[in-house]
N, C-alpha and C. Protein backbone atom coordinates (compact mmCIF):
# COMPACT_ATOMS: atom_id res chain seq x y z
N UNK A 1 100.68 120.13 90.57
CA UNK A 1 100.38 121.23 91.50
C UNK A 1 98.95 121.12 92.00
N UNK A 2 98.75 121.21 93.32
CA UNK A 2 97.42 121.07 93.89
C UNK A 2 96.71 122.43 93.94
N UNK A 3 95.41 122.39 93.64
CA UNK A 3 94.61 123.62 93.66
C UNK A 3 93.25 123.35 94.29
N UNK A 4 93.24 122.89 95.53
CA UNK A 4 91.96 122.53 96.17
C UNK A 4 91.00 123.70 96.32
N UNK A 5 91.50 124.91 96.54
CA UNK A 5 90.61 126.06 96.70
C UNK A 5 89.88 126.37 95.40
N UNK A 6 90.61 126.29 94.29
CA UNK A 6 89.98 126.53 92.98
C UNK A 6 88.94 125.46 92.69
N UNK A 7 89.23 124.23 93.08
CA UNK A 7 88.26 123.14 92.89
C UNK A 7 86.99 123.40 93.68
N UNK A 8 87.12 123.71 94.95
CA UNK A 8 85.95 123.91 95.79
C UNK A 8 85.13 125.12 95.33
N UNK A 9 85.82 126.16 94.89
CA UNK A 9 85.10 127.34 94.39
C UNK A 9 84.28 126.99 93.17
N UNK A 10 84.83 126.16 92.27
CA UNK A 10 84.08 125.79 91.08
C UNK A 10 82.94 124.84 91.42
N UNK A 11 83.17 123.90 92.30
CA UNK A 11 82.10 122.96 92.67
C UNK A 11 80.91 123.68 93.29
N UNK A 12 81.17 124.78 94.00
CA UNK A 12 80.07 125.53 94.62
C UNK A 12 79.21 126.24 93.57
N UNK A 13 79.83 126.64 92.45
CA UNK A 13 79.06 127.42 91.48
C UNK A 13 78.66 126.64 90.23
N UNK A 14 79.18 125.43 90.07
CA UNK A 14 78.93 124.70 88.83
C UNK A 14 77.46 124.31 88.71
N UNK A 15 77.01 124.21 87.49
CA UNK A 15 75.67 123.73 87.18
C UNK A 15 75.80 122.35 86.54
N UNK A 16 74.72 121.57 86.48
CA UNK A 16 74.81 120.23 85.89
C UNK A 16 75.35 120.25 84.46
N UNK A 17 76.09 119.22 84.13
CA UNK A 17 76.66 119.09 82.79
C UNK A 17 75.54 118.98 81.76
N UNK A 18 75.65 119.76 80.68
CA UNK A 18 74.67 119.73 79.60
C UNK A 18 75.38 119.44 78.27
N UNK A 19 74.62 119.46 77.18
CA UNK A 19 75.18 119.11 75.88
C UNK A 19 76.01 120.23 75.26
N UNK A 20 76.09 121.39 75.91
CA UNK A 20 76.96 122.48 75.47
C UNK A 20 77.71 123.01 76.69
N UNK A 21 79.03 123.12 76.59
CA UNK A 21 79.83 123.66 77.69
C UNK A 21 80.78 124.73 77.16
N UNK A 22 81.13 125.65 78.04
CA UNK A 22 82.03 126.74 77.68
C UNK A 22 82.85 127.10 78.90
N UNK A 23 84.18 127.11 78.74
CA UNK A 23 85.08 127.42 79.84
C UNK A 23 86.05 128.52 79.39
N UNK A 24 85.64 129.79 79.47
CA UNK A 24 86.53 130.88 79.06
C UNK A 24 87.85 130.90 79.83
N UNK A 25 87.81 130.47 81.09
CA UNK A 25 89.01 130.36 81.93
C UNK A 25 89.36 128.89 82.04
N UNK A 26 90.55 128.50 81.60
CA UNK A 26 90.92 127.09 81.61
C UNK A 26 91.20 126.57 83.01
N UNK A 27 91.41 127.47 83.98
CA UNK A 27 91.69 127.04 85.34
C UNK A 27 93.18 126.83 85.58
N UNK A 28 93.56 126.56 86.83
CA UNK A 28 94.98 126.48 87.18
C UNK A 28 95.60 125.10 87.03
N UNK A 29 94.85 124.13 86.53
CA UNK A 29 95.35 122.76 86.46
C UNK A 29 96.15 122.52 85.18
N UNK A 30 97.28 121.84 85.30
CA UNK A 30 98.09 121.51 84.15
C UNK A 30 98.95 122.67 83.68
N UNK A 31 99.73 122.39 82.64
CA UNK A 31 100.65 123.37 82.08
C UNK A 31 99.93 124.17 80.99
N UNK A 32 99.67 125.44 81.24
CA UNK A 32 98.91 126.22 80.26
C UNK A 32 99.74 126.59 79.02
N UNK A 33 101.02 126.26 79.03
CA UNK A 33 101.87 126.50 77.86
C UNK A 33 101.92 125.30 76.92
N UNK A 34 101.35 124.20 77.36
CA UNK A 34 101.38 122.98 76.54
C UNK A 34 100.39 123.14 75.39
N UNK A 35 100.81 122.89 74.13
CA UNK A 35 99.91 123.11 73.00
C UNK A 35 98.70 122.19 73.03
N UNK A 36 97.52 122.78 72.84
CA UNK A 36 96.31 121.99 72.74
C UNK A 36 95.75 121.49 74.06
N UNK A 37 96.26 122.00 75.18
CA UNK A 37 95.75 121.50 76.47
C UNK A 37 94.32 121.96 76.68
N UNK A 38 93.56 121.20 77.46
CA UNK A 38 92.15 121.53 77.66
C UNK A 38 91.91 122.06 79.08
N UNK A 39 90.74 122.59 79.29
CA UNK A 39 90.39 123.17 80.58
C UNK A 39 90.20 122.09 81.65
N UNK A 40 90.73 122.36 82.83
CA UNK A 40 90.50 121.45 83.95
C UNK A 40 89.05 121.39 84.37
N UNK A 41 88.28 122.43 84.06
CA UNK A 41 86.87 122.44 84.45
C UNK A 41 86.08 121.35 83.73
N UNK A 42 86.50 121.01 82.51
CA UNK A 42 85.84 119.90 81.81
C UNK A 42 86.03 118.61 82.58
N UNK A 43 87.27 118.35 83.03
CA UNK A 43 87.53 117.13 83.80
C UNK A 43 86.73 117.12 85.10
N UNK A 44 86.64 118.27 85.74
CA UNK A 44 85.86 118.35 86.99
C UNK A 44 84.40 118.02 86.71
N UNK A 45 83.84 118.59 85.65
CA UNK A 45 82.44 118.33 85.32
C UNK A 45 82.21 116.85 85.02
N UNK A 46 83.11 116.23 84.28
CA UNK A 46 82.97 114.81 83.98
C UNK A 46 83.03 113.96 85.25
N UNK A 47 83.98 114.27 86.12
CA UNK A 47 84.14 113.48 87.35
C UNK A 47 82.99 113.74 88.33
N UNK A 48 82.54 114.98 88.41
CA UNK A 48 81.42 115.30 89.31
C UNK A 48 80.12 114.68 88.82
N UNK A 49 79.99 114.52 87.50
CA UNK A 49 78.78 113.93 86.94
C UNK A 49 78.78 112.41 87.06
N UNK A 50 79.87 111.77 86.66
CA UNK A 50 79.90 110.31 86.58
C UNK A 50 80.49 109.64 87.82
N UNK A 51 81.15 110.41 88.67
CA UNK A 51 81.70 109.94 89.95
C UNK A 51 82.55 108.67 89.82
N UNK A 52 83.58 108.71 89.00
CA UNK A 52 84.45 107.53 88.87
C UNK A 52 85.32 107.35 90.11
N UNK A 53 85.64 106.11 90.40
CA UNK A 53 86.61 105.82 91.46
C UNK A 53 88.02 105.74 90.90
N UNK A 54 88.13 105.46 89.59
CA UNK A 54 89.45 105.40 88.96
C UNK A 54 89.38 106.02 87.57
N UNK A 55 90.42 106.79 87.22
CA UNK A 55 90.48 107.51 85.96
C UNK A 55 91.80 107.20 85.26
N UNK A 56 91.71 107.01 83.94
CA UNK A 56 92.91 106.85 83.11
C UNK A 56 92.94 107.95 82.07
N UNK A 57 94.09 108.58 81.91
CA UNK A 57 94.34 109.48 80.78
C UNK A 57 95.52 108.88 80.02
N UNK A 58 95.27 108.25 78.87
CA UNK A 58 96.35 107.55 78.15
C UNK A 58 97.27 108.48 77.38
N UNK A 59 96.90 109.74 77.23
CA UNK A 59 97.76 110.72 76.55
C UNK A 59 97.65 112.02 77.32
N UNK A 60 98.27 112.05 78.51
CA UNK A 60 97.96 113.10 79.48
C UNK A 60 98.57 114.46 79.17
N UNK A 61 99.53 114.51 78.27
CA UNK A 61 100.03 115.82 77.81
C UNK A 61 100.42 116.76 78.93
N UNK A 62 99.64 117.83 79.13
CA UNK A 62 100.00 118.89 80.08
C UNK A 62 99.80 118.51 81.54
N UNK A 63 99.17 117.36 81.80
CA UNK A 63 98.97 116.93 83.18
C UNK A 63 97.72 117.48 83.84
N UNK A 64 96.81 118.06 83.06
CA UNK A 64 95.59 118.63 83.63
C UNK A 64 94.76 117.59 84.36
N UNK A 65 94.54 116.46 83.72
CA UNK A 65 93.69 115.44 84.35
C UNK A 65 94.34 114.88 85.62
N UNK A 66 95.65 114.76 85.63
CA UNK A 66 96.36 114.27 86.81
C UNK A 66 96.13 115.20 88.01
N UNK A 67 96.24 116.51 87.77
CA UNK A 67 96.10 117.47 88.86
C UNK A 67 94.65 117.58 89.33
N UNK A 68 93.70 117.51 88.39
CA UNK A 68 92.28 117.53 88.79
C UNK A 68 91.96 116.33 89.66
N UNK A 69 92.40 115.14 89.25
CA UNK A 69 92.11 113.93 90.02
C UNK A 69 92.78 113.96 91.39
N UNK A 70 93.95 114.55 91.47
CA UNK A 70 94.60 114.69 92.77
C UNK A 70 93.77 115.56 93.70
N UNK A 71 93.24 116.67 93.18
CA UNK A 71 92.41 117.55 94.01
C UNK A 71 91.08 116.92 94.38
N UNK A 72 90.56 116.04 93.51
CA UNK A 72 89.27 115.40 93.77
C UNK A 72 89.43 114.06 94.49
N UNK A 73 90.67 113.69 94.83
CA UNK A 73 90.97 112.45 95.54
C UNK A 73 90.45 111.23 94.79
N UNK A 74 90.70 111.20 93.47
CA UNK A 74 90.30 110.10 92.62
C UNK A 74 91.54 109.32 92.20
N UNK A 75 91.48 108.00 92.28
CA UNK A 75 92.60 107.17 91.84
C UNK A 75 92.87 107.44 90.37
N UNK A 76 94.14 107.64 90.02
CA UNK A 76 94.46 108.11 88.68
C UNK A 76 95.68 107.38 88.11
N UNK A 77 95.62 107.14 86.79
CA UNK A 77 96.78 106.65 86.05
C UNK A 77 96.89 107.47 84.77
N UNK A 78 98.09 107.98 84.48
CA UNK A 78 98.29 108.79 83.29
C UNK A 78 99.57 108.41 82.59
N UNK A 79 99.54 108.39 81.26
CA UNK A 79 100.69 107.97 80.47
C UNK A 79 100.84 108.89 79.26
N UNK A 80 102.04 108.89 78.69
CA UNK A 80 102.30 109.74 77.53
C UNK A 80 103.61 109.31 76.90
N UNK A 81 103.73 109.56 75.59
CA UNK A 81 105.00 109.29 74.93
C UNK A 81 106.14 110.09 75.55
N UNK A 82 105.83 111.31 76.03
CA UNK A 82 106.86 112.15 76.64
C UNK A 82 107.49 111.48 77.86
N UNK A 83 106.74 110.62 78.52
CA UNK A 83 107.24 109.95 79.72
C UNK A 83 107.55 108.48 79.45
N UNK A 84 107.60 108.11 78.16
CA UNK A 84 108.11 106.79 77.79
C UNK A 84 107.09 105.70 77.58
N UNK A 85 105.80 106.02 77.55
CA UNK A 85 104.77 104.99 77.38
C UNK A 85 103.98 105.21 76.10
N UNK A 86 103.88 104.17 75.30
CA UNK A 86 103.03 104.18 74.11
C UNK A 86 101.71 103.51 74.50
N UNK A 87 100.73 104.30 74.85
CA UNK A 87 99.49 103.74 75.40
C UNK A 87 98.72 102.89 74.40
N UNK A 88 99.00 103.05 73.12
CA UNK A 88 98.31 102.24 72.12
C UNK A 88 98.86 100.81 72.05
N UNK A 89 100.05 100.61 72.65
CA UNK A 89 100.68 99.28 72.54
C UNK A 89 101.19 98.74 73.87
N UNK A 90 101.53 99.60 74.81
CA UNK A 90 102.09 99.14 76.09
C UNK A 90 100.98 98.84 77.09
N UNK A 91 101.23 97.95 78.05
CA UNK A 91 100.23 97.70 79.10
C UNK A 91 100.05 98.93 79.99
N UNK A 92 98.79 99.33 80.22
CA UNK A 92 98.51 100.53 81.03
C UNK A 92 97.40 100.26 82.04
N UNK A 93 97.24 99.01 82.45
CA UNK A 93 96.25 98.70 83.46
C UNK A 93 94.88 98.43 82.87
N UNK A 94 93.92 98.18 83.75
CA UNK A 94 92.57 97.86 83.31
C UNK A 94 91.58 98.14 84.43
N UNK A 95 90.30 98.05 84.12
CA UNK A 95 89.26 98.22 85.14
C UNK A 95 88.98 99.66 85.52
N UNK A 96 89.14 100.60 84.58
CA UNK A 96 88.93 102.02 84.87
C UNK A 96 87.45 102.40 84.75
N UNK A 97 87.02 103.27 85.63
CA UNK A 97 85.64 103.77 85.57
C UNK A 97 85.48 104.87 84.53
N UNK A 98 86.54 105.63 84.31
CA UNK A 98 86.50 106.72 83.33
C UNK A 98 87.85 106.81 82.63
N UNK A 99 87.82 106.81 81.31
CA UNK A 99 89.02 107.05 80.52
C UNK A 99 88.80 108.32 79.73
N UNK A 100 89.68 109.29 79.93
CA UNK A 100 89.61 110.56 79.20
C UNK A 100 90.72 110.57 78.17
N UNK A 101 90.32 110.54 76.90
CA UNK A 101 91.29 110.45 75.81
C UNK A 101 91.21 111.72 74.97
N UNK A 102 92.31 112.47 74.95
CA UNK A 102 92.40 113.70 74.16
C UNK A 102 93.51 113.51 73.15
N UNK A 103 93.22 112.82 72.03
CA UNK A 103 94.26 112.56 71.04
C UNK A 103 94.57 113.79 70.21
N UNK A 104 95.67 113.77 69.46
CA UNK A 104 95.92 114.86 68.52
C UNK A 104 94.79 114.94 67.49
N UNK A 105 94.58 116.13 66.95
CA UNK A 105 93.60 116.31 65.88
C UNK A 105 94.33 116.13 64.55
N UNK A 106 94.64 114.86 64.27
CA UNK A 106 95.47 114.49 63.12
C UNK A 106 96.78 115.26 63.23
N UNK A 107 97.14 116.04 62.21
CA UNK A 107 98.44 116.74 62.22
C UNK A 107 98.30 118.23 62.46
N UNK A 108 97.21 118.65 63.12
CA UNK A 108 97.04 120.07 63.40
C UNK A 108 98.21 120.61 64.21
N UNK A 109 98.67 119.82 65.20
CA UNK A 109 99.86 120.14 65.98
C UNK A 109 100.72 118.89 66.04
N UNK A 110 102.01 119.01 65.80
CA UNK A 110 102.94 117.89 65.91
C UNK A 110 103.53 117.92 67.32
N UNK A 111 103.35 116.84 68.06
CA UNK A 111 103.71 116.86 69.47
C UNK A 111 105.10 116.33 69.78
N UNK A 112 105.54 115.31 69.07
CA UNK A 112 106.86 114.74 69.34
C UNK A 112 107.51 114.32 68.03
N UNK A 113 108.78 113.93 68.12
CA UNK A 113 109.49 113.36 66.98
C UNK A 113 109.27 111.86 66.88
N UNK A 114 108.58 111.28 67.83
CA UNK A 114 108.37 109.84 67.88
C UNK A 114 107.43 109.40 66.76
N UNK A 115 107.83 108.44 65.92
CA UNK A 115 106.96 108.00 64.82
C UNK A 115 105.67 107.35 65.30
N UNK A 116 105.60 106.95 66.59
CA UNK A 116 104.37 106.36 67.12
C UNK A 116 103.34 107.42 67.50
N UNK A 117 103.73 108.67 67.48
CA UNK A 117 102.85 109.78 67.82
C UNK A 117 101.72 109.87 66.80
N UNK A 118 100.46 109.93 67.26
CA UNK A 118 99.32 110.01 66.34
C UNK A 118 99.37 111.24 65.46
N UNK A 119 100.01 112.31 65.93
CA UNK A 119 100.11 113.51 65.10
C UNK A 119 101.07 113.30 63.94
N UNK A 120 101.80 112.18 63.95
CA UNK A 120 102.70 111.83 62.85
C UNK A 120 102.18 110.63 62.06
N UNK A 121 100.89 110.42 62.09
CA UNK A 121 100.29 109.27 61.40
C UNK A 121 100.45 109.36 59.90
N UNK A 122 100.65 110.58 59.38
CA UNK A 122 100.77 110.73 57.93
C UNK A 122 99.42 111.04 57.32
N UNK A 123 98.89 110.13 56.56
CA UNK A 123 97.62 110.35 55.88
C UNK A 123 96.46 110.37 56.86
N UNK A 124 95.39 111.03 56.44
CA UNK A 124 94.18 111.02 57.26
C UNK A 124 93.64 109.61 57.42
N UNK A 125 93.74 108.80 56.37
CA UNK A 125 93.26 107.42 56.45
C UNK A 125 94.00 106.64 57.53
N UNK A 126 95.32 106.81 57.61
CA UNK A 126 96.08 106.11 58.64
C UNK A 126 95.72 106.63 60.02
N UNK A 127 95.53 107.94 60.15
CA UNK A 127 95.10 108.49 61.43
C UNK A 127 93.78 107.86 61.86
N UNK A 128 92.84 107.71 60.95
CA UNK A 128 91.55 107.12 61.28
C UNK A 128 91.69 105.67 61.71
N UNK A 129 92.61 104.94 61.08
CA UNK A 129 92.88 103.55 61.49
C UNK A 129 93.39 103.52 62.93
N UNK A 130 94.36 104.39 63.25
CA UNK A 130 94.92 104.42 64.59
C UNK A 130 93.88 104.88 65.61
N UNK A 131 93.00 105.79 65.21
CA UNK A 131 91.93 106.24 66.10
C UNK A 131 91.01 105.07 66.44
N UNK A 132 90.63 104.28 65.44
CA UNK A 132 89.77 103.12 65.68
C UNK A 132 90.47 102.09 66.56
N UNK A 133 91.75 101.85 66.27
CA UNK A 133 92.49 100.88 67.08
C UNK A 133 92.59 101.34 68.53
N UNK A 134 92.86 102.63 68.72
CA UNK A 134 92.93 103.16 70.07
C UNK A 134 91.61 103.04 70.79
N UNK A 135 90.52 103.33 70.09
CA UNK A 135 89.20 103.21 70.71
C UNK A 135 88.96 101.78 71.19
N UNK A 136 89.21 100.81 70.34
CA UNK A 136 88.97 99.41 70.72
C UNK A 136 89.83 99.02 71.92
N UNK A 137 91.09 99.44 71.91
CA UNK A 137 91.99 99.08 73.01
C UNK A 137 91.53 99.70 74.33
N UNK A 138 91.21 100.98 74.30
CA UNK A 138 90.84 101.67 75.54
C UNK A 138 89.46 101.23 76.04
N UNK A 139 88.54 100.96 75.13
CA UNK A 139 87.21 100.51 75.56
C UNK A 139 87.31 99.21 76.36
N UNK A 140 88.24 98.35 75.96
CA UNK A 140 88.41 97.08 76.66
C UNK A 140 89.02 97.26 78.05
N UNK A 141 89.57 98.43 78.33
CA UNK A 141 90.16 98.67 79.65
C UNK A 141 89.15 99.20 80.66
N UNK A 142 87.91 99.44 80.21
CA UNK A 142 86.88 99.96 81.10
C UNK A 142 86.34 98.89 82.03
N UNK A 143 86.01 99.30 83.24
CA UNK A 143 85.25 98.45 84.15
C UNK A 143 83.81 98.39 83.64
N UNK A 144 83.03 97.37 84.04
CA UNK A 144 81.62 97.35 83.67
C UNK A 144 80.92 98.65 84.09
N UNK A 145 80.21 99.25 83.17
CA UNK A 145 79.56 100.53 83.44
C UNK A 145 80.45 101.73 83.26
N UNK A 146 81.73 101.49 82.91
CA UNK A 146 82.68 102.59 82.75
C UNK A 146 82.46 103.35 81.46
N UNK A 147 83.07 104.52 81.39
CA UNK A 147 82.90 105.41 80.24
C UNK A 147 84.24 105.80 79.63
N UNK A 148 84.27 105.80 78.30
CA UNK A 148 85.40 106.31 77.53
C UNK A 148 84.97 107.64 76.93
N UNK A 149 85.67 108.71 77.28
CA UNK A 149 85.34 110.06 76.84
C UNK A 149 86.45 110.55 75.91
N UNK A 150 86.07 110.96 74.69
CA UNK A 150 87.06 111.40 73.71
C UNK A 150 86.80 112.86 73.36
N UNK A 151 87.82 113.69 73.55
CA UNK A 151 87.76 115.10 73.17
C UNK A 151 88.43 115.25 71.81
N UNK A 152 87.67 115.78 70.84
CA UNK A 152 88.18 115.89 69.48
C UNK A 152 87.69 117.17 68.83
N UNK A 153 88.49 117.71 67.92
CA UNK A 153 88.11 118.89 67.15
C UNK A 153 88.22 118.62 65.66
N UNK A 154 87.55 119.43 64.86
CA UNK A 154 87.63 119.33 63.41
C UNK A 154 88.78 120.20 62.90
N UNK A 155 89.12 120.03 61.62
CA UNK A 155 90.16 120.86 61.02
C UNK A 155 89.89 121.08 59.53
N UNK A 156 90.60 122.03 58.96
CA UNK A 156 90.57 122.27 57.53
C UNK A 156 91.96 122.05 56.95
N UNK A 157 91.99 121.47 55.76
CA UNK A 157 93.24 121.28 55.04
C UNK A 157 93.02 121.66 53.58
N UNK A 158 93.74 122.70 53.12
CA UNK A 158 93.67 123.13 51.73
C UNK A 158 92.23 123.33 51.28
N UNK A 159 91.46 124.00 52.13
CA UNK A 159 90.09 124.33 51.81
C UNK A 159 89.09 123.22 52.05
N UNK A 160 89.55 122.06 52.46
CA UNK A 160 88.67 120.92 52.70
C UNK A 160 88.40 120.79 54.19
N UNK A 161 87.13 120.66 54.57
CA UNK A 161 86.76 120.49 55.97
C UNK A 161 86.85 119.02 56.33
N UNK A 162 87.58 118.71 57.38
CA UNK A 162 87.73 117.33 57.84
C UNK A 162 86.99 117.15 59.17
N UNK A 163 85.83 116.50 59.16
CA UNK A 163 85.01 116.36 60.36
C UNK A 163 85.49 115.21 61.26
N UNK A 164 86.59 115.42 61.94
CA UNK A 164 87.13 114.38 62.82
C UNK A 164 86.17 114.04 63.94
N UNK A 165 85.36 115.01 64.36
CA UNK A 165 84.39 114.76 65.42
C UNK A 165 83.34 113.75 64.96
N UNK A 166 83.01 113.78 63.68
CA UNK A 166 82.06 112.79 63.13
C UNK A 166 82.71 111.41 63.12
N UNK A 167 83.98 111.36 62.77
CA UNK A 167 84.70 110.08 62.79
C UNK A 167 84.64 109.45 64.18
N UNK A 168 84.78 110.27 65.21
CA UNK A 168 84.74 109.76 66.58
C UNK A 168 83.34 109.25 66.91
N UNK A 169 82.31 110.02 66.58
CA UNK A 169 80.94 109.61 66.90
C UNK A 169 80.58 108.30 66.23
N UNK A 170 81.18 108.02 65.08
CA UNK A 170 80.86 106.80 64.34
C UNK A 170 81.71 105.60 64.73
N UNK A 171 82.59 105.78 65.71
CA UNK A 171 83.45 104.67 66.12
C UNK A 171 82.63 103.50 66.65
N UNK A 172 81.54 103.80 67.36
CA UNK A 172 80.79 102.73 68.02
C UNK A 172 79.41 103.26 68.42
N UNK A 173 78.48 103.27 67.48
CA UNK A 173 77.16 103.81 67.78
C UNK A 173 76.44 103.00 68.86
N UNK A 174 76.74 101.72 68.95
CA UNK A 174 76.05 100.86 69.91
C UNK A 174 76.28 101.30 71.34
N UNK A 175 77.48 101.81 71.62
CA UNK A 175 77.82 102.20 72.99
C UNK A 175 77.90 103.71 73.18
N UNK A 176 77.45 104.46 72.16
CA UNK A 176 77.47 105.91 72.26
C UNK A 176 76.41 106.38 73.27
N UNK A 177 76.86 107.10 74.29
CA UNK A 177 75.94 107.57 75.33
C UNK A 177 75.54 109.03 75.15
N UNK A 178 76.44 109.85 74.63
CA UNK A 178 76.11 111.26 74.46
C UNK A 178 77.24 112.03 73.83
N UNK A 179 76.91 113.22 73.33
CA UNK A 179 77.89 114.12 72.73
C UNK A 179 77.71 115.51 73.35
N UNK A 180 78.80 116.08 73.82
CA UNK A 180 78.80 117.43 74.38
C UNK A 180 79.60 118.33 73.45
N UNK A 181 79.03 119.46 73.07
CA UNK A 181 79.74 120.44 72.26
C UNK A 181 80.47 121.39 73.20
N UNK A 182 81.76 121.50 73.02
CA UNK A 182 82.60 122.36 73.86
C UNK A 182 83.05 123.57 73.05
N UNK A 183 82.69 124.76 73.51
CA UNK A 183 83.11 126.00 72.84
C UNK A 183 84.59 126.22 73.08
N UNK A 184 85.32 126.58 72.02
CA UNK A 184 86.75 126.86 72.15
C UNK A 184 86.98 128.35 72.40
N UNK A 185 87.96 128.62 73.24
CA UNK A 185 88.34 130.00 73.54
C UNK A 185 89.83 130.17 73.31
N UNK A 186 90.23 131.41 73.03
CA UNK A 186 91.65 131.76 72.88
C UNK A 186 92.36 130.94 71.81
N UNK A 187 91.67 130.71 70.68
CA UNK A 187 92.30 130.04 69.56
C UNK A 187 92.51 131.05 68.44
N UNK A 188 93.37 130.72 67.48
CA UNK A 188 93.73 131.69 66.45
C UNK A 188 92.53 132.13 65.62
N UNK A 189 91.54 131.26 65.45
CA UNK A 189 90.36 131.62 64.65
C UNK A 189 89.58 132.76 65.27
N UNK A 190 89.71 132.94 66.60
CA UNK A 190 89.03 134.05 67.26
C UNK A 190 89.61 135.40 66.85
N UNK A 191 90.88 135.42 66.48
CA UNK A 191 91.60 136.68 66.29
C UNK A 191 91.91 136.98 64.84
N UNK A 192 91.57 136.06 63.93
CA UNK A 192 91.94 136.22 62.54
C UNK A 192 90.77 136.71 61.71
N UNK A 193 91.05 137.66 60.81
CA UNK A 193 90.03 138.14 59.87
C UNK A 193 90.24 137.42 58.54
N UNK A 194 89.13 136.94 57.96
CA UNK A 194 89.21 136.16 56.73
C UNK A 194 88.47 136.87 55.61
N UNK A 195 89.00 136.73 54.39
CA UNK A 195 88.33 137.26 53.21
C UNK A 195 87.35 136.22 52.68
N UNK A 196 86.22 136.70 52.12
CA UNK A 196 85.27 135.78 51.53
C UNK A 196 84.45 135.05 52.57
N UNK A 197 83.81 133.98 52.12
CA UNK A 197 82.95 133.19 53.00
C UNK A 197 83.78 132.15 53.73
N UNK A 198 83.86 132.30 55.03
CA UNK A 198 84.69 131.38 55.82
C UNK A 198 84.10 131.32 57.23
N UNK A 199 83.81 130.11 57.68
CA UNK A 199 83.26 129.92 59.02
C UNK A 199 84.34 129.34 59.92
N UNK A 200 84.90 130.11 60.85
CA UNK A 200 85.94 129.59 61.74
C UNK A 200 85.41 128.45 62.60
N UNK A 201 86.30 127.51 62.91
CA UNK A 201 85.94 126.38 63.77
C UNK A 201 86.20 126.78 65.22
N UNK A 202 85.15 126.94 65.99
CA UNK A 202 85.27 127.38 67.38
C UNK A 202 84.63 126.39 68.34
N UNK A 203 84.66 125.11 67.98
CA UNK A 203 84.09 124.11 68.88
C UNK A 203 84.88 122.80 68.78
N UNK A 204 84.75 122.01 69.82
CA UNK A 204 85.22 120.63 69.85
C UNK A 204 84.04 119.79 70.34
N UNK A 205 84.17 118.48 70.26
CA UNK A 205 83.13 117.64 70.85
C UNK A 205 83.72 116.70 71.89
N UNK A 206 82.92 116.46 72.90
CA UNK A 206 83.25 115.51 73.97
C UNK A 206 82.30 114.34 73.78
N UNK A 207 82.80 113.24 73.21
CA UNK A 207 81.96 112.09 72.87
C UNK A 207 82.11 111.03 73.95
N UNK A 208 80.98 110.56 74.47
CA UNK A 208 80.96 109.68 75.62
C UNK A 208 80.42 108.31 75.21
N UNK A 209 81.25 107.28 75.42
CA UNK A 209 80.85 105.90 75.17
C UNK A 209 80.80 105.17 76.52
N UNK A 210 79.80 104.31 76.68
CA UNK A 210 79.64 103.60 77.95
C UNK A 210 79.64 102.10 77.73
N UNK A 211 80.44 101.42 78.54
CA UNK A 211 80.46 99.95 78.52
C UNK A 211 79.30 99.43 79.37
N UNK A 212 78.56 98.44 78.89
CA UNK A 212 77.45 97.92 79.70
C UNK A 212 77.91 97.51 81.08
N UNK A 213 77.02 97.75 82.05
CA UNK A 213 77.40 97.52 83.43
C UNK A 213 76.95 96.21 84.03
N UNK A 214 76.11 95.46 83.31
CA UNK A 214 75.61 94.20 83.84
C UNK A 214 75.27 93.29 82.68
N UNK A 215 75.15 91.99 82.97
CA UNK A 215 74.86 91.03 81.93
C UNK A 215 73.54 91.33 81.22
N UNK A 216 72.62 91.97 81.92
CA UNK A 216 71.31 92.28 81.35
C UNK A 216 71.36 93.42 80.34
N UNK A 217 72.48 94.18 80.32
CA UNK A 217 72.61 95.27 79.38
C UNK A 217 73.23 94.74 78.09
N UNK A 218 72.44 94.71 77.03
CA UNK A 218 72.91 94.14 75.77
C UNK A 218 73.96 95.03 75.14
N UNK A 219 74.90 94.40 74.46
CA UNK A 219 75.94 95.15 73.75
C UNK A 219 75.37 95.77 72.50
């Protein structure tokens, strides 16, 4: 669904992207009923900042990135297990200026019955292996100077805090360009009262890796 008026209205009022972002309104892009979908305004900010000519979303889920790129007239490719593509193993093109990867947060939400689904990885250790493999595969699909952006959140399991965002930041320190903290809105932690000492998780991170753009840029 196209929403050019909403795009232009946001572009007129947006401020430069900083290390903390907050989008109380997710915007009209994508299916707002899809579990775990993110705000289209994040995609707009990334594209307005880095100005990619081509964008890949290897796990496009609700279709938010597809609709944002259509409104911004950016060449786009999007894939998902729901539409028959296993982006971790199937050919999905190459030479992208921006890859936006929003993987499952381990097993916080189970997305499909497909055993190749990252939310069905089983153990946290196996999820971390698949996360590393996905990072290596997608990084190689970048054009010189391109960026791989990973949106990830932390979780708790049986009282144990699992810092998945730290796992992402440590994937490749050499090519790490920046980390943006994204405030979460309309999640269950906002509405739940807890007994004792408990700090709800109300943030995600947007971790940005950049492939060198010229031979003079050392790896």
